[in-house]
Amino acid sequence: MEKNLNTLEVNLRETKTKADVKKLRLDGFVPGVLYGDIDQNLNLSIKKNSLEKFLKSGNFMSKVIEIKVGGKDYKVLPRAIEFNKLNNQPIHIDFQTLSAGTKVIVWIPVKFINENICPGLKMGGVLNIVRRKVELSCPADQIPSELIVDLAEKQINESIHISAVKLPENVKPTILDRDFTIATVAAPTVVKEPEPAAAEAVAEGTEGAEGAVASADGAADKKDAKTQEDKAPADKKK
């Protein structure tokens, strides 16, 4: 049944005991539940390798998926997934049915583009990402796959707020009381090397000081020699 990347093969599950569920997992399936705008919740089983393909595709929890159960087609959204704490393998998943009027809360990843031509970054600035994902309230049929932030004209010390991101119609952030920050182009923190002329001046000054010390040492040596001569016995002076 896997016609495209958004279609997942599922079956009705008839497990009644914990032992049944354990055997299901040993046979390579993951138990799940479908709830939402349906007469009653449906118990599901999903092929583990099919589910893992979705997990590796990225942004799984915000992806609308098509499934077929009991002869009916559903558009669903993953709402919760449980993993084994030892091997990090999926062991249970919940899906919610979607319809045109359904509103959902989802986390959508932020994608930054044109970093290579961003003026602030070219001048040595650093992209400081405050939010890699943003929580949105969306109609079920208008969930964006990602939020685009264009850095083409961003300068050093400039901030990018949610108001600068173009959202689809009827899609809103769940935080409405402030224009929160998604990222900033921070000033560089690396200390610049001294200019060549300044470095040369410092070097010359050091050499002069070393010469002065050498002269002083020479004068001291001569003085010590004269003092030793004066102190010598008279017969040696003859």
Protein backbone atom coordinates (compact mmCIF):
# COMPACT_ATOMS: atom_id res chain seq x y z
CA MET A 1 0.00 0.00 0.00
CA GLU A 2 3.01 2.34 0.21
CA LYS A 3 2.16 4.41 -2.90
CA ASN A 4 4.23 7.41 -1.86
CA LEU A 5 6.32 8.80 0.94
CA ASN A 6 3.21 9.92 2.84
CA THR A 7 1.45 6.53 2.83
CA LEU A 8 1.96 4.11 5.69
CA GLU A 9 0.90 0.48 5.75
CA VAL A 10 -1.15 -0.42 8.84
CA ASN A 11 -3.40 -3.26 10.00
CA LEU A 12 -6.12 -3.64 12.60
CA ARG A 13 -4.73 -5.06 15.84
CA GLU A 14 -6.58 -7.70 17.84
CA THR A 15 -4.21 -8.07 20.79
CA LYS A 16 -5.91 -8.56 24.16
CA THR A 17 -3.07 -9.20 26.61
CA LYS A 18 0.43 -7.96 27.29
CA ALA A 19 1.74 -11.28 26.00
CA ASP A 20 -0.07 -10.66 22.68
CA VAL A 21 1.52 -7.22 22.41
CA LYS A 22 4.96 -8.63 23.20
CA LYS A 23 4.59 -11.27 20.48
CA LEU A 24 3.45 -8.59 18.04
CA ARG A 25 6.66 -6.65 18.65
CA LEU A 26 8.79 -9.78 18.33
CA ASP A 27 7.15 -10.39 14.94
CA GLY A 28 8.39 -7.00 13.71
CA PHE A 29 5.34 -4.81 14.30
CA VAL A 30 4.67 -1.72 16.41
CA PRO A 31 1.31 -1.39 18.19
CA GLY A 32 -0.59 1.87 17.78
CA VAL A 33 -3.92 3.63 18.27
CA LEU A 34 -5.98 5.81 15.92
CA TYR A 35 -8.30 8.36 17.55
CA GLY A 36 -10.10 11.56 16.60
CA ASP A 37 -13.18 12.14 14.45
CA ILE A 38 -14.20 8.47 14.31
CA ASP A 39 -16.90 6.39 16.02
CA GLN A 40 -14.39 4.62 18.24
CA ASN A 41 -10.65 4.38 18.64
CA LEU A 42 -8.95 1.76 16.47
CA ASN A 43 -6.09 -0.45 17.59
CA LEU A 44 -3.40 -0.66 14.92
CA SER A 45 -0.24 -2.56 14.10
CA ILE A 46 2.43 -1.04 11.86
CA LYS A 47 5.39 -2.73 10.23
CA LYS A 48 8.42 -1.62 12.19
CA ASN A 49 10.66 -1.17 9.14
CA SER A 50 7.99 0.96 7.40
CA LEU A 51 7.62 3.16 10.49
CA GLU A 52 11.39 3.57 10.82
CA LYS A 53 11.57 4.91 7.24
CA PHE A 54 9.21 7.69 8.29
CA LEU A 55 11.20 8.39 11.45
CA LYS A 56 14.39 8.82 9.41
CA SER A 57 12.71 11.16 6.90
CA GLY A 58 12.70 14.05 9.42
CA ASN A 59 9.95 16.18 10.96
CA PHE A 60 7.89 13.03 11.48
CA MET A 61 5.60 14.48 14.17
CA SER A 62 4.43 17.28 11.84
CA LYS A 63 3.87 15.16 8.75
CA VAL A 64 0.36 14.33 7.48
CA ILE A 65 0.22 10.63 6.64
CA GLU A 66 -2.34 8.61 4.68
CA ILE A 67 -3.37 5.22 6.05
CA LYS A 68 -6.05 2.69 5.16
CA VAL A 69 -7.79 0.77 7.94
CA GLY A 70 -10.84 -1.50 7.66
CA GLY A 71 -11.44 -0.44 4.06
CA LYS A 72 -11.41 3.30 4.91
CA ASP A 73 -8.80 5.93 4.02
CA TYR A 74 -7.69 8.37 6.69
CA LYS A 75 -5.42 11.35 6.79
CA VAL A 76 -3.65 11.25 10.15
CA LEU A 77 -1.00 13.06 12.14
CA PRO A 78 1.40 11.32 14.56
CA ARG A 79 0.68 12.68 18.04
CA ALA A 80 2.85 10.57 20.36
CA ILE A 81 5.50 7.92 19.96
CA GLU A 82 7.16 5.81 22.64
CA PHE A 83 10.67 4.38 22.37
CA ASN A 84 12.45 1.57 24.17
CA LYS A 85 14.84 3.20 26.65
CA LEU A 86 17.57 0.63 26.04
CA ASN A 87 17.75 0.40 22.25
CA ASN A 88 15.74 3.49 21.22
CA GLN A 89 13.42 1.39 19.03
CA PRO A 90 9.75 2.50 18.55
CA ILE A 91 7.35 0.44 20.70
CA HIS A 92 4.04 2.37 20.45
CA ILE A 93 2.52 5.19 18.42
CA ASP A 94 -0.69 7.27 18.48
CA PHE A 95 -2.31 8.84 15.40
CA GLN A 96 -5.04 11.48 15.20
CA THR A 97 -7.50 11.60 12.31
CA LEU A 98 -7.63 14.87 10.39
CA SER A 99 -10.35 16.65 8.46
CA ALA A 100 -10.48 20.02 6.69
CA GLY A 101 -11.82 21.74 9.81
CA THR A 102 -9.38 20.15 12.26
CA LYS A 103 -6.86 22.45 13.91
CA VAL A 104 -3.65 21.00 15.28
CA ILE A 105 -0.64 22.21 17.25
CA VAL A 106 2.65 21.22 15.62
CA TRP A 107 6.35 22.01 15.86
CA ILE A 108 7.75 23.13 12.50
CA PRO A 109 11.51 23.31 11.76
CA VAL A 110 13.16 26.58 10.71
CA LYS A 111 15.34 26.62 7.59
CA PHE A 112 17.89 29.41 7.00
CA ILE A 113 18.78 30.30 3.42
CA ASN A 114 21.36 32.58 1.70
CA GLU A 115 23.93 32.29 4.48
CA ASN A 116 26.67 32.53 1.82
CA ILE A 117 25.60 36.06 0.79
CA CYS A 118 24.53 37.38 4.19
CA PRO A 119 26.40 40.72 4.72
CA GLY A 120 26.66 40.26 8.48
CA LEU A 121 28.11 36.77 8.18
CA LYS A 122 30.54 37.83 5.44
CA MET A 123 31.87 40.51 7.80
CA GLY A 124 32.66 37.87 10.42
CA GLY A 125 29.35 37.76 12.28
CA VAL A 126 27.93 34.53 13.70
CA LEU A 127 24.42 33.14 13.18
CA ASN A 128 23.00 32.58 16.66
CA ILE A 129 19.93 30.32 16.34
CA VAL A 130 17.50 30.86 19.20
CA ARG A 131 14.71 28.56 17.91
CA ARG A 132 15.30 25.64 15.55
CA LYS A 133 11.57 24.82 15.65
CA VAL A 134 8.48 26.97 16.16
CA GLU A 135 5.18 25.79 17.61
CA LEU A 136 2.27 26.67 15.32
CA SER A 137 -1.51 26.36 15.33
CA CYS A 138 -2.56 25.13 11.87
CA PRO A 139 -5.56 23.84 9.96
CA ALA A 140 -4.90 20.17 9.23
CA ASP A 141 -4.69 20.80 5.49
CA GLN A 142 -2.27 23.75 5.78
CA ILE A 143 0.61 22.42 7.85
CA PRO A 144 3.87 23.88 6.45
CA SER A 145 6.80 21.52 6.07
CA GLU A 146 9.28 24.22 7.21
CA LEU A 147 9.60 27.93 7.96
CA ILE A 148 11.99 29.86 5.72
CA VAL A 149 14.26 32.62 7.05
CA ASP A 150 16.12 34.57 4.35
CA LEU A 151 19.49 35.93 5.53
CA ALA A 152 20.34 37.72 2.25
CA GLU A 153 20.19 41.25 3.73
CA LYS A 154 20.86 40.66 7.42
CA GLN A 155 23.54 42.78 9.09
CA ILE A 156 25.65 42.30 12.22
CA ASN A 157 23.62 42.75 15.44
CA GLU A 158 20.35 42.31 13.54
CA SER A 159 17.63 40.06 15.00
CA ILE A 160 15.09 37.96 13.08
CA HIS A 161 11.66 37.82 14.73
CA ILE A 162 8.64 35.62 13.98
CA SER A 163 6.94 38.60 12.33
CA ALA A 164 9.58 38.45 9.57
CA VAL A 165 8.60 34.87 8.64
CA LYS A 166 5.87 34.43 6.05
CA LEU A 167 3.25 32.01 7.37
CA PRO A 168 0.46 30.34 5.36
CA GLU A 169 -3.05 31.74 5.74
CA ASN A 170 -4.74 30.81 9.03
CA VAL A 171 -1.44 29.54 10.44
CA LYS A 172 -0.34 31.31 13.63
CA PRO A 173 2.34 30.83 16.27
CA THR A 174 1.06 29.63 19.62
CA ILE A 175 2.94 32.51 21.29
CA LEU A 176 0.90 35.62 20.49
CA ASP A 177 1.85 38.05 23.25
CA ARG A 178 5.25 39.00 21.83
CA ASP A 179 7.26 39.12 18.62
CA PHE A 180 9.74 36.47 19.72
CA THR A 181 13.24 36.06 18.32
CA ILE A 182 14.16 33.16 16.05
CA ALA A 183 17.82 34.07 15.42
CA THR A 184 20.36 36.89 15.52
CA VAL A 185 23.47 37.78 13.53
CA ALA A 186 25.86 38.28 16.42
CA ALA A 187 29.05 40.34 16.31
CA PRO A 188 32.34 38.37 16.03
CA THR A 189 34.12 37.60 19.29
CA VAL A 190 37.61 36.90 17.87
CA VAL A 191 40.24 39.51 18.84
CA LYS A 192 41.92 41.02 15.76
CA GLU A 193 45.68 40.64 15.30
CA PRO A 194 47.77 43.87 15.63
CA GLU A 195 48.52 45.73 12.40
CA PRO A 196 51.97 44.97 10.83
CA ALA A 197 53.27 48.54 11.48
CA ALA A 198 52.34 48.34 15.14
CA ALA A 199 53.94 44.94 15.45
CA GLU A 200 57.18 46.26 13.90
CA ALA A 201 57.24 49.22 16.29
CA VAL A 202 56.85 46.88 19.24
CA ALA A 203 59.69 44.72 17.90
CA GLU A 204 61.98 47.73 17.42
CA GLY A 205 61.22 48.95 20.92
CA THR A 206 62.11 45.54 22.28
CA GLU A 207 65.40 45.49 20.39
CA GLY A 208 66.30 48.99 21.72
CA ALA A 209 65.61 47.90 25.25
CA GLU A 210 67.75 44.82 24.81
CA GLY A 211 70.62 47.06 23.48
CA ALA A 212 70.33 49.36 26.48
CA VAL A 213 70.52 46.40 28.85
CA ALA A 214 73.58 45.07 27.02
CA SER A 215 75.31 48.49 27.28
CA ALA A 216 74.54 48.73 30.96
CA ASP A 217 75.89 45.25 31.53
CA GLY A 218 79.11 46.14 29.65
CA ALA A 219 79.65 49.26 31.74
CA ALA A 220 79.09 47.29 34.93
CA ASP A 221 81.65 44.70 33.85
CA LYS A 222 84.28 47.43 33.23
CA LYS A 223 83.60 49.03 36.61
CA ASP A 224 83.97 45.68 38.36
CA ALA A 225 87.30 45.08 36.57
CA LYS A 226 88.66 48.50 37.66
CA THR A 227 87.57 47.86 41.24
CA GLN A 228 89.34 44.50 41.28
CA GLU A 229 92.50 46.16 39.90
CA ASP A 230 92.51 48.80 42.64
CA LYS A 231 92.17 46.14 45.30
CA ALA A 232 95.10 44.09 43.96
CA PRO A 233 98.34 43.84 46.15
CA ALA A 234 100.98 46.46 45.52
CA ASP A 235 103.60 43.95 44.38
CA LYS A 236 101.30 42.80 41.63
CA LYS A 237 100.82 46.40 40.49
CA LYS A 238 104.59 46.68 39.98
